[in-house]
């Protein structure tokens, strides 16, 4: 899975099944910080995982993690 490799490469974290489930739950429940909409069905979200803000490009329509964004793409104010 593309996102698994990107998570390891960009954040040094493991995107295992439990972490993927956490990402899905936080986005679906509104507990992830929405950064911007990419398209009608996809958006960029920031989720804290293991003490790091992780950027996730997520397809809301398909309930799927598209990719994990590099930290430099998280240029948003809190």
Protein backbone atom coordinates (compact mmCIF):
# COMPACT_ATOMS: atom_id res chain seq x y z
CA UNK A 1 0.00 0.00 0.00
CA UNK A 2 1.32 3.39 -1.04
CA UNK A 3 0.32 5.12 2.21
CA UNK A 4 2.17 2.53 4.33
CA UNK A 5 5.44 3.33 2.56
CA UNK A 6 4.85 7.09 2.76
CA UNK A 7 4.10 6.95 6.50
CA UNK A 8 7.35 5.10 7.16
CA UNK A 9 9.37 7.31 4.81
CA UNK A 10 7.99 10.67 5.91
CA UNK A 11 7.31 10.20 9.62
CA UNK A 12 9.17 7.04 10.65
CA UNK A 13 5.87 5.52 11.81
CA UNK A 14 4.18 2.22 11.03
CA UNK A 15 0.78 2.47 9.33
CA UNK A 16 -0.58 -0.80 10.67
CA UNK A 17 -4.24 -1.83 10.76
CA UNK A 18 -4.85 -0.20 14.15
CA UNK A 19 -3.39 3.13 13.01
CA UNK A 20 -5.42 3.02 9.80
CA UNK A 21 -8.57 2.40 11.83
CA UNK A 22 -7.70 5.35 14.09
CA UNK A 23 -7.32 7.60 11.04
CA UNK A 24 -10.67 6.45 9.60
CA UNK A 25 -12.48 6.93 12.93
CA UNK A 26 -11.05 10.39 13.59
CA UNK A 27 -11.89 11.68 10.12
CA UNK A 28 -15.39 10.18 10.09
CA UNK A 29 -16.18 11.48 13.58
CA UNK A 30 -14.86 14.98 12.90
CA UNK A 31 -11.93 14.68 15.32
CA UNK A 32 -9.34 15.30 12.59
CA UNK A 33 -8.40 18.84 11.63
CA UNK A 34 -9.55 19.51 8.07
CA UNK A 35 -6.99 21.53 6.16
CA UNK A 36 -8.56 21.85 2.72
CA UNK A 37 -10.79 20.11 0.24
CA UNK A 38 -8.96 18.72 -2.79
CA UNK A 39 -12.05 17.73 -4.73
CA UNK A 40 -15.69 17.11 -3.90
CA UNK A 41 -14.88 13.74 -2.40
CA UNK A 42 -11.33 14.13 -1.03
CA UNK A 43 -9.69 16.31 1.54
CA UNK A 44 -6.51 16.91 3.47
CA UNK A 45 -6.65 16.23 7.19
CA UNK A 46 -4.13 16.54 10.01
CA UNK A 47 -4.22 13.87 12.69
CA UNK A 48 -1.94 13.53 15.70
CA UNK A 49 -0.34 10.09 15.75
CA UNK A 50 2.42 9.17 18.21
CA UNK A 51 2.93 12.84 19.08
CA UNK A 52 3.33 13.95 15.46
CA UNK A 53 0.93 15.86 13.23
CA UNK A 54 0.45 13.60 10.22
CA UNK A 55 -1.06 14.88 6.97
CA UNK A 56 -3.52 12.54 5.31
CA UNK A 57 -5.09 12.88 1.88
CA UNK A 58 -8.37 11.01 2.37
CA UNK A 59 -11.22 10.08 0.05
CA UNK A 60 -14.37 10.78 2.00
CA UNK A 61 -16.52 9.24 -0.73
CA UNK A 62 -14.59 5.95 -0.72
CA UNK A 63 -13.55 5.98 2.97
CA UNK A 64 -9.97 5.41 1.85
CA UNK A 65 -6.55 6.79 2.74
CA UNK A 66 -5.10 8.03 -0.55
CA UNK A 67 -1.64 8.97 0.71
CA UNK A 68 0.33 10.36 3.61
CA UNK A 69 1.58 13.89 2.95
CA UNK A 70 5.05 15.16 3.81
CA UNK A 71 5.33 17.45 6.85
CA UNK A 72 6.15 20.42 4.60
CA UNK A 73 2.64 20.19 3.11
CA UNK A 74 1.05 20.94 6.49
CA UNK A 75 1.55 24.70 6.35
CA UNK A 76 -1.60 25.67 8.24
CA UNK A 77 -2.14 27.69 11.37
CA UNK A 78 -3.75 26.11 14.37
